[in-house]
Protein backbone atom coordinates (compact mmCIF):
# COMPACT_ATOMS: atom_id res chain seq x y z
CA MET A 1 132.85 148.23 124.64
CA ASN A 2 135.68 145.68 122.62
CA GLU A 3 136.21 147.39 119.64
CA GLN A 4 135.70 144.08 117.81
CA ILE A 5 132.33 143.38 118.95
CA LYS A 6 131.34 147.18 118.27
CA GLY A 7 132.19 146.78 115.14
CA LEU A 8 129.84 143.99 114.64
CA ILE A 9 126.68 145.55 115.80
CA SER A 10 124.81 147.14 112.87
CA GLU A 11 122.67 150.71 113.39
CA ARG A 12 119.64 148.43 112.08
CA PRO A 13 118.77 144.84 113.99
CA VAL A 14 119.11 141.98 110.89
CA SER A 15 116.61 139.27 111.21
CA ILE A 16 118.51 136.33 110.23
CA LEU A 17 115.26 134.97 108.46
CA GLU A 18 115.71 138.12 106.04
CA SER A 19 116.89 135.81 103.04
CA ASP A 20 116.10 132.32 104.47
CA ASP A 21 113.78 129.76 105.85
CA ARG A 22 114.16 128.18 109.44
CA ILE A 23 112.90 124.55 110.24
CA SER A 24 113.41 123.97 113.69
CA ALA A 25 112.71 120.91 116.02
CA ARG A 26 113.28 119.07 119.76
CA LEU A 27 112.81 115.40 120.85
CA ASP A 28 112.33 114.13 123.81
CA VAL A 29 112.90 110.22 124.52
CA TYR A 30 112.68 108.31 127.66
CA HIS A 31 113.50 104.86 127.79
CA GLN A 32 112.74 103.12 131.08
CA GLN A 33 114.25 99.49 131.47
CA PHE A 34 112.14 97.45 134.15
CA ASP A 35 112.72 98.05 137.71
CA GLU A 36 115.12 101.06 136.54
CA GLU A 37 114.54 104.89 136.72
CA PRO A 38 113.83 106.45 132.91
CA ASN A 39 117.18 107.87 131.34
CA HIS A 40 115.87 111.43 128.85
CA PHE A 41 117.60 112.08 126.00
CA ASN A 42 116.62 115.11 123.77
CA SER A 43 117.70 117.06 120.81
CA ILE A 44 117.08 120.18 119.73
CA PHE A 45 117.72 121.03 115.68
CA SER A 46 117.32 124.06 113.95
CA GLU A 47 118.13 124.78 110.23
CA LEU A 48 118.53 127.94 108.15
CA ILE A 49 116.58 126.58 104.37
CA PRO A 50 116.49 128.07 100.93
CA GLN A 51 113.59 130.83 101.28
CA SER A 52 110.63 129.37 99.19
CA GLU A 53 107.11 130.92 98.11
CA GLU A 54 105.78 127.48 98.40
CA LYS A 55 104.00 126.54 101.43
CA VAL A 56 104.53 123.10 103.17
CA TYR A 57 102.65 120.55 101.63
CA SER A 58 100.35 118.43 104.19
CA ARG A 59 98.09 115.58 103.77
CA LYS A 60 96.54 112.83 105.35
CA ILE A 61 96.49 109.52 103.13
CA LYS A 62 95.92 105.47 103.59
CA VAL A 63 98.86 103.74 102.38
CA SER A 64 98.81 99.66 101.47
CA GLU A 65 101.22 96.89 101.08
CA GLU A 66 102.38 98.13 97.71
CA TRP A 67 105.19 100.14 97.32
CA GLN A 68 104.44 103.99 96.33
CA PRO A 69 105.78 107.02 95.95
CA ILE A 70 105.21 109.31 98.75
CA ASP A 71 102.82 112.25 97.63
CA ILE A 72 104.47 115.38 97.27
CA GLY A 73 101.97 117.26 95.90
CA TRP A 74 103.11 120.66 93.62
CA LEU A 75 106.24 120.57 95.25
CA GLU A 76 109.60 119.34 92.88
CA SER A 77 111.82 119.75 95.87
CA ALA A 78 112.05 119.21 99.98
CA SER A 79 114.71 120.39 102.85
CA PHE A 80 112.81 117.87 105.30
CA VAL A 81 109.92 115.58 105.14
CA LEU A 82 108.07 114.28 108.69
CA ILE A 83 106.08 111.17 108.43
CA GLN A 84 103.59 110.47 110.78
CA ASN A 85 101.97 106.84 111.50
CA ILE A 86 98.67 107.45 112.43
CA LYS A 87 97.80 105.13 115.55
CA LYS A 88 94.39 104.58 115.85
CA ARG A 89 91.73 106.03 118.33
CA TYR A 90 89.08 103.44 119.27
CA ASN A 91 85.79 104.95 120.55
CA VAL A 92 84.94 101.83 122.69
CA ASN A 93 87.47 99.04 124.10
CA PRO A 94 88.91 97.00 121.20
CA SER A 95 89.00 93.62 120.95
CA GLU A 96 92.65 91.34 121.20
CA GLU A 97 92.72 91.43 117.45
CA GLU A 98 91.56 94.79 116.82
CA ILE A 99 94.81 95.48 119.09
CA GLU A 100 96.75 93.00 117.75
CA SER A 101 96.33 93.75 114.00
CA GLU A 102 96.85 97.65 114.85
CA LYS A 103 100.28 96.67 116.49
CA LYS A 104 101.50 94.99 112.92
CA LYS A 105 100.80 98.38 110.86
CA THR A 106 104.27 99.45 110.42
CA ILE A 107 105.03 101.99 107.59
CA ARG A 108 108.33 101.34 105.24
CA ILE A 109 110.25 104.23 104.11
CA ARG A 110 112.75 103.70 101.64
CA THR A 111 114.43 105.22 99.20
CA GLY A 112 115.60 102.57 96.11
CA SER A 113 115.04 98.94 96.68
CA GLY A 114 115.65 97.15 100.36
CA GLU A 115 113.35 97.97 103.01
CA GLY A 116 114.82 101.45 104.03
CA TRP A 117 113.17 102.42 107.62
CA ALA A 118 110.62 100.78 109.91
CA VAL A 119 107.94 103.49 111.34
CA SER A 120 106.03 101.86 114.12
CA ASN A 121 102.26 102.10 114.71
CA GLY A 122 101.81 105.33 116.66
CA SER A 123 105.56 106.65 115.99
CA PHE A 124 107.04 109.19 113.05
CA PHE A 125 109.92 109.37 110.65
CA PHE A 126 111.90 112.70 110.26
CA GLY A 127 114.38 113.36 107.26
CA ASN A 128 116.21 115.22 104.63
CA PRO A 129 116.07 113.56 101.46
CA VAL A 130 118.40 114.11 99.23
CA GLU A 131 115.77 113.40 96.23
CA ILE A 132 112.26 113.80 97.28
CA ASN A 133 111.05 111.63 94.36
CA ASN A 134 112.84 108.76 95.46
CA VAL A 135 111.18 107.84 98.24
CA GLU A 136 108.85 105.25 98.52
CA ILE A 137 106.47 103.97 101.40
CA ARG A 138 103.81 100.68 102.18
CA CYS A 139 102.26 99.07 105.09
CA GLU A 140 103.48 95.92 106.15
CA PHE A 141 99.88 94.48 107.33
CA GLU A 142 96.67 95.71 105.42
CA SER A 143 96.63 99.73 104.92
CA THR A 144 96.85 102.22 107.80
CA SER A 145 96.39 106.21 107.76
CA ILE A 146 99.35 108.54 107.87
CA LYS A 147 100.06 112.25 107.95
CA ILE A 148 102.82 113.34 105.80
CA HIS A 149 104.41 117.35 105.82
CA ILE A 150 106.71 117.86 103.12
CA PHE A 151 108.64 121.21 103.91
CA PRO A 152 109.53 122.95 100.26
CA CYS A 153 113.09 124.06 99.46
CA ASN A 154 114.17 126.24 96.31
CA LYS A 155 117.21 124.63 94.69
């Protein structure tokens, strides 16, 4: 065995999670243009984040047309935030008006002023906020339900 490699092997296996937490995500995107085969793009992400005793803060909330700070619960800081714009499920066939109304329920996410990011109905946003207390959200049309998951971070 190579002496350099042998020196790196310890008697006891050490988990990289002994001092940090980990967050991982995988995204598969398919894009198909008219009359062509779909293209596939994927991205895999994994990062060690400072260990926290706190649990992930997850809630389903209603968002209106007015800008409002995101609900961060008991957390003081966040490593990542996942916001899902929930697509409405119907028990019966929806009318054309209901379908058009649901399509308009895009949410907006911003930090500071401006419009920030648009998250269409049924889509999601995943990001690493610099300052979680500055993140605001609103719905472009009437109101909609979202799921928010805030991953804790010790700073």
